[in-house]
Amino acid sequence: MAYRFTVPGQIYIGPDALKDSAAALKSLGKKALVVTGRHVARTGAVQTLMDALSSLGVSAVLFNDITGEPTVGMVEAGVERYRETGCDFVIGIGGGSPLDSAKAIAAMSVLEGRISDYMGKEIEGDLPPMVLIPTTAGTGSEATRYTVITDTDRNVKMLLKGNALLPDVAIIDARLTLTAPPMVTAATGMDALTHAVEAFTSRKANPLTDMYALSAIRRIFRYLPEAFEDGNNLKAREEMALAAFEAGACINNASVTLVHGMSRPIGALFHVPHGLANAMLIRECLAYVLDGCYERFAQIARAIGAADESWDHKEAAGAFIGKLSELCNRLKIPSLGEYGINKEAFDRVREKMAQDAMASGSPTNTIKEITIADLLAIYDRLW
């Protein structure tokens, strides 16, 4: 059996990534829609990009109306802006929300209907060129064929997919992540860890994703606490930027599993940022499925130095959960209750959340067989 491994068309990583990508940017079009959020626009990163485009003779239109996690309405507003201003390619700059929005806007600039029509379908077509520039280290959107958009009419976070959503160019400069505050650093970093661990323990894992996943996991356990505690630690930021890309490449080829499936409904219904929702769930979800693949979790434990070859797989897998708990505690990841979610409100929608999670397809990638009853049991354990 042959394995297929896909990544963005061109990848520039390092302190000169934007400068070195100039020829690639200039070749993509004459007028870019720059998709971002208002917070990112205030950091100076967007102005740096706009200046770089101007120096290349590329016009740019700013669309900075991504407020929070992207919705169908935001995407439609972006498409309208793209069309009315005559843009011919899209650049997303920011955290996962602007990057996911840029993908969706590019797709819907050429596709018929509404983006919600494409849930569960493969997105195909001759999309305008896309450039993605992350300013956080975690979502990995710059490396994936996925975008997550909230349908506010149905209170569902839609996982949309297709190779057409892979960016033509990914530009990764860790210096752009220096302005990320501690809790954003923690949440996005835990998102990257979730990607890597889920890809490694997915039914769709392959030798290439295993290599990327273990590398990302080692980096995150080593450097995420440092980036969280000292945001100006450039070495830690550089390692986390690499880890986020590695983990994104993993899920692009091996997909995600239980944690992502269960966190999306919490994000949709209780407006919890995606990375934080994953961080809140990761311990209970992975502890629940540990007995489905002790050997894989044991390999992770050995990779991070939590166990050695003398330990049996079950004992080593348990040591990984212990180290994961230590990491979550060090990063001050809150529980659902500490975050402010009301348990009675949670219980009223737990069955809908379990059904939405299963419908996403992600839980079935878990090596351990998972049912709706399992999802309900895990939701209960969160309290």
Protein backbone atom coordinates (compact mmCIF):
# COMPACT_ATOMS: atom_id res chain seq x y z
CA MET A 1 0.00 0.00 0.00
CA ALA A 2 1.35 3.44 -0.95
CA TYR A 3 0.93 6.42 1.37
CA ARG A 4 0.05 9.85 0.09
CA PHE A 5 1.45 12.86 1.92
CA THR A 6 0.37 16.37 0.94
CA VAL A 7 1.63 19.76 2.12
CA PRO A 8 1.23 23.34 0.83
CA GLY A 9 2.68 24.12 -2.59
CA GLN A 10 5.54 26.26 -1.22
CA ILE A 11 6.65 26.66 2.42
CA TYR A 12 8.87 29.44 3.75
CA ILE A 13 9.97 29.05 7.39
CA GLY A 14 12.32 31.37 9.25
CA PRO A 15 13.03 35.02 10.09
CA ASP A 16 13.24 36.06 6.41
CA ALA A 17 10.23 34.06 5.29
CA LEU A 18 8.19 37.04 4.08
CA LYS A 19 11.13 38.62 2.24
CA ASP A 20 12.22 35.33 0.66
CA SER A 21 8.69 34.60 -0.53
CA ALA A 22 8.50 37.84 -2.55
CA ALA A 23 8.78 36.20 -5.97
CA ALA A 24 6.12 33.64 -5.06
CA LEU A 25 3.74 36.35 -3.81
CA LYS A 26 4.24 38.48 -6.92
CA SER A 27 3.45 35.53 -9.18
CA LEU A 28 0.05 34.83 -7.62
CA GLY A 29 -1.90 37.88 -8.75
CA LYS A 30 -2.23 41.63 -8.95
CA LYS A 31 -4.68 42.36 -6.11
CA ALA A 32 -4.90 40.50 -2.81
CA LEU A 33 -7.73 40.36 -0.30
CA VAL A 34 -5.90 40.36 3.05
CA VAL A 35 -8.09 38.50 5.56
CA THR A 36 -7.37 39.10 9.24
CA GLY A 37 -8.84 40.08 12.60
CA ARG A 38 -8.80 43.46 14.27
CA HIS A 39 -6.43 42.39 17.04
CA VAL A 40 -3.88 41.14 14.52
CA ALA A 41 -4.26 44.33 12.51
CA ARG A 42 -3.15 46.30 15.60
CA THR A 43 0.06 44.30 16.15
CA GLY A 44 1.94 45.68 13.17
CA ALA A 45 2.14 42.33 11.36
CA VAL A 46 -0.57 43.31 8.88
CA GLN A 47 1.10 46.63 8.09
CA THR A 48 4.38 44.82 7.51
CA LEU A 49 2.60 42.57 5.02
CA MET A 50 0.84 45.46 3.31
CA ASP A 51 4.13 47.32 2.94
CA ALA A 52 5.78 44.23 1.49
CA LEU A 53 2.98 43.82 -1.06
CA SER A 54 3.20 47.49 -2.01
CA SER A 55 6.94 47.17 -2.62
CA LEU A 56 6.20 44.29 -4.99
CA GLY A 57 3.65 46.31 -6.92
CA VAL A 58 0.77 44.15 -5.63
CA SER A 59 -2.41 45.97 -4.60
CA ALA A 60 -4.13 44.90 -1.38
CA VAL A 61 -7.60 45.24 0.11
CA LEU A 62 -7.89 44.77 3.87
CA PHE A 63 -10.77 42.68 5.25
CA ASN A 64 -10.34 42.64 9.03
CA ASP A 65 -13.88 41.69 10.04
CA ILE A 66 -13.01 38.25 11.47
CA THR A 67 -14.18 38.72 15.05
CA GLY A 68 -13.78 35.52 17.01
CA GLU A 69 -14.13 32.14 15.37
CA PRO A 70 -15.39 32.37 11.77
CA THR A 71 -19.06 32.08 10.90
CA VAL A 72 -20.97 31.65 7.66
CA GLY A 73 -21.88 35.35 7.82
CA MET A 74 -18.25 36.46 8.09
CA VAL A 75 -17.31 34.29 5.13
CA GLU A 76 -20.12 35.71 3.02
CA ALA A 77 -19.07 39.27 3.89
CA GLY A 78 -15.52 38.43 2.87
CA VAL A 79 -16.64 36.96 -0.44
CA GLU A 80 -18.65 40.10 -1.16
CA ARG A 81 -15.59 42.25 -0.43
CA TYR A 82 -13.39 40.04 -2.63
CA ARG A 83 -15.74 40.32 -5.58
CA GLU A 84 -16.67 43.99 -5.33
CA THR A 85 -13.01 45.09 -5.15
CA GLY A 86 -11.82 42.89 -8.01
CA CYS A 87 -9.28 40.82 -6.07
CA ASP A 88 -7.64 37.83 -7.73
CA PHE A 89 -6.00 36.04 -4.77
CA VAL A 90 -6.37 35.73 -1.00
CA ILE A 91 -3.92 36.15 1.87
CA GLY A 92 -4.86 35.09 5.39
CA ILE A 93 -2.77 36.46 8.27
CA GLY A 94 -3.44 35.80 11.94
CA GLY A 95 -4.48 32.90 14.13
CA GLY A 96 -6.59 29.98 13.04
CA SER A 97 -9.74 32.06 12.56
CA PRO A 98 -8.41 34.39 9.84
CA LEU A 99 -6.59 31.51 8.14
CA ASP A 100 -9.70 29.30 8.10
CA SER A 101 -11.75 32.30 6.93
CA ALA A 102 -9.33 32.98 4.07
CA LYS A 103 -9.72 29.40 2.85
CA ALA A 104 -13.50 29.57 3.00
CA ILE A 105 -13.61 32.97 1.27
CA ALA A 106 -11.37 31.70 -1.53
CA ALA A 107 -13.59 28.65 -1.96
CA MET A 108 -16.89 30.52 -1.98
CA SER A 109 -15.58 33.17 -4.39
CA VAL A 110 -15.99 30.52 -7.11
CA LEU A 111 -18.40 27.91 -5.73
CA GLU A 112 -22.20 27.98 -5.95
CA GLY A 113 -24.58 28.26 -2.99
CA ARG A 114 -23.58 28.77 0.66
CA ILE A 115 -20.61 27.25 2.39
CA SER A 116 -22.91 25.22 4.65
CA ASP A 117 -23.94 23.29 1.51
CA TYR A 118 -20.45 21.76 1.44
CA MET A 119 -20.44 20.15 4.88
CA GLY A 120 -19.55 16.49 4.42
CA LYS A 121 -18.52 17.00 0.79
CA GLU A 122 -15.11 17.29 -0.82
CA ILE A 123 -14.48 20.90 -1.81
CA GLU A 124 -13.16 21.02 -5.36
CA GLY A 125 -12.71 23.65 -8.04
CA ASP A 126 -10.33 26.17 -9.50
CA LEU A 127 -9.94 28.35 -6.42
CA PRO A 128 -7.98 31.61 -6.46
CA PRO A 129 -4.41 31.33 -5.13
CA MET A 130 -4.06 31.37 -1.34
CA VAL A 131 -1.28 32.49 0.99
CA LEU A 132 -1.48 31.75 4.72
CA ILE A 133 0.67 33.49 7.35
CA PRO A 134 0.15 32.30 10.96
CA THR A 135 0.70 34.66 13.90
CA THR A 136 0.07 31.95 16.50
CA ALA A 137 1.76 28.55 16.85
CA GLY A 138 -0.88 25.90 17.07
CA THR A 139 -3.80 25.71 14.68
CA GLY A 140 -1.70 24.39 11.79
CA SER A 141 -4.26 25.73 9.33
CA GLU A 142 -1.40 26.87 7.10
CA ALA A 143 -0.59 23.19 6.49
CA THR A 144 -4.02 21.62 6.08
CA ARG A 145 -6.83 20.91 3.65
CA TYR A 146 -9.40 21.76 6.32
CA THR A 147 -11.35 24.78 7.48
CA VAL A 148 -13.77 25.02 10.41
CA ILE A 149 -16.68 27.44 10.03
CA THR A 150 -19.58 27.87 12.47
CA ASP A 151 -23.10 27.65 11.10
CA THR A 152 -24.87 29.90 13.62
CA ASP A 153 -28.31 28.89 12.31
CA ARG A 154 -27.74 25.29 13.44
CA ASN A 155 -25.16 25.88 16.20
CA VAL A 156 -22.75 23.53 14.45
CA LYS A 157 -19.03 23.89 13.81
CA MET A 158 -18.64 22.57 10.28
CA LEU A 159 -15.45 20.73 9.35
CA LEU A 160 -14.97 21.41 5.64
CA LYS A 161 -12.30 19.70 3.60
CA GLY A 162 -10.68 19.36 0.19
CA ASN A 163 -7.21 19.46 -1.33
CA ALA A 164 -8.28 22.68 -3.05
CA LEU A 165 -8.10 24.31 0.41
CA LEU A 166 -4.36 23.71 0.74
CA PRO A 167 -2.58 27.05 0.41
CA ASP A 168 -0.28 27.72 -2.50
CA VAL A 169 2.18 29.40 -0.15
CA ALA A 170 2.67 29.10 3.63
CA ILE A 171 4.85 31.77 5.27
CA ILE A 172 5.96 30.97 8.83
CA ASP A 173 7.99 33.48 10.84
CA ALA A 174 8.09 32.88 14.59
CA ARG A 175 8.65 36.59 15.22
CA LEU A 176 5.02 37.16 14.28
CA THR A 177 3.98 35.03 17.27
CA LEU A 178 5.84 37.13 19.86
CA THR A 179 2.76 39.28 20.50
CA ALA A 180 0.53 36.30 21.36
CA PRO A 181 -0.51 36.59 25.04
CA PRO A 182 0.13 33.69 27.46
CA MET A 183 -3.31 32.07 27.33
CA VAL A 184 -3.42 32.28 23.53
CA THR A 185 0.05 30.72 23.47
CA ALA A 186 -1.15 27.95 25.78
CA ALA A 187 -4.39 27.25 23.93
CA THR A 188 -2.88 27.23 20.45
CA GLY A 189 0.09 25.20 21.64
CA MET A 190 -2.24 22.61 23.15
CA ASP A 191 -4.16 22.57 19.88
CA ALA A 192 -0.91 21.63 18.12
CA LEU A 193 -0.23 18.93 20.71
CA THR A 194 -3.73 17.56 20.21
CA HIS A 195 -3.13 17.43 16.44
CA ALA A 196 0.13 15.54 16.84
CA VAL A 197 -1.10 13.02 19.41
CA GLU A 198 -4.36 12.38 17.57
CA ALA A 199 -2.56 11.89 14.25
CA PHE A 200 -0.14 9.45 15.88
CA THR A 201 -2.99 7.43 17.40
CA SER A 202 -5.30 7.66 14.37
CA ARG A 203 -6.37 4.72 12.22
CA LYS A 204 -5.06 6.78 9.27
CA ALA A 205 -1.52 7.21 10.63
CA ASN A 206 1.37 6.32 8.35
CA PRO A 207 5.19 6.35 8.67
CA LEU A 208 5.52 9.96 7.50
CA THR A 209 2.84 11.31 9.84
CA ASP A 210 4.40 9.29 12.67
CA MET A 211 7.74 10.99 12.05
CA TYR A 212 6.24 14.48 12.02
CA ALA A 213 3.97 13.75 15.00
CA LEU A 214 6.70 12.52 17.34
CA SER A 215 8.92 15.45 16.38
CA ALA A 216 6.11 17.91 17.12
CA ILE A 217 5.26 16.23 20.44
CA ARG A 218 8.87 16.41 21.61
CA ARG A 219 9.12 20.10 20.70
CA ILE A 220 5.83 21.00 22.39
CA PHE A 221 6.54 19.28 25.70
CA ARG A 222 9.99 20.92 25.74
CA TYR A 223 9.20 24.43 24.52
CA LEU A 224 5.52 25.27 25.08
CA PRO A 225 5.95 25.94 28.82
CA GLU A 226 8.88 28.27 28.01
CA ALA A 227 6.89 30.18 25.37
CA PHE A 228 3.96 30.43 27.81
CA GLU A 229 6.08 31.75 30.68
CA ASP A 230 8.26 34.06 28.58
CA GLY A 231 6.60 35.23 25.38
CA ASN A 232 9.81 36.94 24.23
CA ASN A 233 11.78 33.67 24.24
CA LEU A 234 12.45 33.55 20.49
CA LYS A 235 14.00 30.07 20.58
CA ALA A 236 10.85 28.67 22.19
CA ARG A 237 8.67 30.56 19.72
CA GLU A 238 10.69 29.21 16.77
CA GLU A 239 10.40 25.64 18.02
CA MET A 240 6.67 26.04 18.57
CA ALA A 241 6.19 27.47 15.06
CA LEU A 242 7.92 24.39 13.64
CA ALA A 243 5.88 22.08 15.87
CA ALA A 244 2.62 23.71 14.81
CA PHE A 245 3.48 23.19 11.16
CA GLU A 246 4.57 19.58 11.75
CA ALA A 247 1.36 18.84 13.64
CA GLY A 248 -0.73 20.53 10.95
CA ALA A 249 0.93 18.41 8.28
CA CYS A 250 0.10 15.36 10.41
CA ILE A 251 -3.63 16.00 10.58
CA ASN A 252 -3.67 16.96 6.93
CA ASN A 253 -2.69 13.36 6.18
CA ALA A 254 -3.86 11.31 9.18
CA SER A 255 -6.80 13.43 10.38
CA VAL A 256 -7.92 14.01 13.98
CA THR A 257 -9.81 11.73 16.35
CA LEU A 258 -11.86 11.92 19.51
CA VAL A 259 -10.70 15.18 21.10
CA HIS A 260 -11.47 17.36 18.09
CA GLY A 261 -14.77 15.62 17.48
CA MET A 262 -15.92 16.33 21.03
CA SER A 263 -14.49 19.84 21.36
CA ARG A 264 -16.15 21.35 18.28
CA PRO A 265 -19.72 21.16 19.71
CA ILE A 266 -18.52 22.76 22.95
CA GLY A 267 -16.99 25.57 20.94
CA ALA A 268 -20.14 26.03 18.87
CA LEU A 269 -22.61 26.02 21.76
CA PHE A 270 -20.59 27.66 24.54
CA HIS A 271 -18.30 29.89 22.45
CA VAL A 272 -15.09 28.40 23.76
CA PRO A 273 -12.05 29.09 21.53
CA HIS A 274 -11.09 25.97 19.61
CA GLY A 275 -7.63 25.42 21.06
CA LEU A 276 -8.83 25.95 24.62
CA ALA A 277 -11.72 23.52 24.12
CA ASN A 278 -9.23 20.87 22.99
CA ALA A 279 -7.01 21.61 25.98
CA MET A 280 -9.96 21.22 28.36
CA LEU A 281 -10.84 17.81 26.90
CA ILE A 282 -7.53 16.22 26.01
CA ARG A 283 -6.76 14.49 29.32
CA GLU A 284 -10.13 12.80 29.76
CA CYS A 285 -10.48 11.88 26.08
CA LEU A 286 -7.04 10.30 25.76
CA ALA A 287 -7.26 8.55 29.14
CA TYR A 288 -10.56 6.99 27.97
CA VAL A 289 -9.07 5.55 24.77
CA LEU A 290 -5.70 4.55 26.22
CA ASP A 291 -6.57 0.85 26.29
CA GLY A 292 -7.26 0.93 22.55
CA CYS A 293 -3.60 1.40 21.67
CA TYR A 294 -1.29 1.21 24.68
CA GLU A 295 1.70 0.68 22.40
CA ARG A 296 1.19 3.95 20.47
CA PHE A 297 0.77 6.02 23.64
CA ALA A 298 3.79 4.23 25.11
CA GLN A 299 5.88 5.33 22.13
CA ILE A 300 4.88 8.93 22.87
CA ALA A 301 5.83 8.52 26.53
CA ARG A 302 9.27 7.23 25.55
CA ALA A 303 9.73 10.06 23.03
CA ILE A 304 9.23 12.71 25.74
CA GLY A 305 11.30 10.89 28.34
CA ALA A 306 8.37 9.89 30.55
CA ALA A 307 9.25 6.19 30.23
CA ASP A 308 11.99 3.99 28.83
CA GLU A 309 12.14 0.67 27.02
CA SER A 310 12.09 -1.28 30.28
CA TRP A 311 8.51 -0.17 30.97
CA ASP A 312 5.64 -2.21 29.58
CA HIS A 313 3.28 -0.47 27.15
CA LYS A 314 0.41 -0.01 29.62
CA GLU A 315 2.65 1.46 32.32
CA ALA A 316 4.35 3.79 29.82
CA ALA A 317 1.02 4.92 28.37
CA GLY A 318 -0.13 5.85 31.87
CA ALA A 319 3.07 7.85 32.34
CA PHE A 320 2.22 9.87 29.22
CA ILE A 321 -1.16 10.82 30.73
CA GLY A 322 0.66 11.88 33.88
CA LYS A 323 3.01 14.15 31.93
CA LEU A 324 0.05 15.52 29.97
CA SER A 325 -1.69 16.42 33.23
CA GLU A 326 1.45 18.16 34.47
CA LEU A 327 1.63 20.18 31.25
CA CYS A 328 -2.02 21.24 31.45
CA ASN A 329 -1.56 22.30 35.07
CA ARG A 330 1.59 24.29 34.26
CA LEU A 331 -0.26 26.08 31.46
CA LYS A 332 -3.18 26.83 33.80
CA ILE A 333 -5.75 25.17 31.55
CA PRO A 334 -9.17 25.69 33.20
CA SER A 335 -11.89 23.11 33.64
CA LEU A 336 -15.27 23.68 32.01
CA GLY A 337 -16.65 24.98 35.29
CA GLU A 338 -13.69 27.29 35.89
CA TYR A 339 -14.16 28.68 32.39
CA GLY A 340 -17.73 29.58 33.33
CA ILE A 341 -19.81 26.93 31.59
CA ASN A 342 -22.98 26.10 33.51
CA LYS A 343 -23.34 22.36 34.16
CA GLU A 344 -27.12 22.36 33.83
CA ALA A 345 -26.90 24.12 30.47
CA PHE A 346 -24.19 21.65 29.45
CA ASP A 347 -26.27 18.65 30.45
CA ARG A 348 -29.25 19.91 28.44
CA VAL A 349 -27.25 19.75 25.20
CA ARG A 350 -24.87 16.86 25.90
CA GLU A 351 -26.81 14.46 23.65
CA LYS A 352 -26.80 16.96 20.77
CA MET A 353 -23.08 17.47 21.28
CA ALA A 354 -22.42 13.72 21.23
CA GLN A 355 -24.46 13.33 18.04
CA ASP A 356 -22.72 16.29 16.37
CA ALA A 357 -19.32 14.93 17.42
CA MET A 358 -20.05 11.51 15.93
CA ALA A 359 -21.51 13.06 12.78
CA SER A 360 -18.21 14.91 12.19
CA GLY A 361 -16.50 11.56 11.58
CA SER A 362 -13.50 12.41 13.75
CA PRO A 363 -14.21 10.01 16.66
CA THR A 364 -14.30 7.02 14.29
CA ASN A 365 -10.65 7.65 13.39
CA THR A 366 -9.76 6.64 16.95
CA ILE A 367 -8.13 3.20 17.11
CA LYS A 368 -10.47 2.21 19.95
CA GLU A 369 -14.06 1.68 18.82
CA ILE A 370 -16.16 4.64 19.96
CA THR A 371 -19.95 4.91 20.32
CA ILE A 372 -22.35 7.68 21.26
CA ALA A 373 -22.51 6.15 24.76
CA ASP A 374 -18.74 6.57 25.08
CA LEU A 375 -18.95 10.22 24.11
CA LEU A 376 -21.67 10.83 26.69
CA ALA A 377 -19.56 9.10 29.34
CA ILE A 378 -16.57 11.33 28.55
CA TYR A 379 -18.70 14.49 28.63
CA ASP A 380 -19.85 13.40 32.10
CA ARG A 381 -16.25 12.88 33.24
CA LEU A 382 -15.40 16.47 32.44
CA TRP A 383 -17.33 17.47 35.55
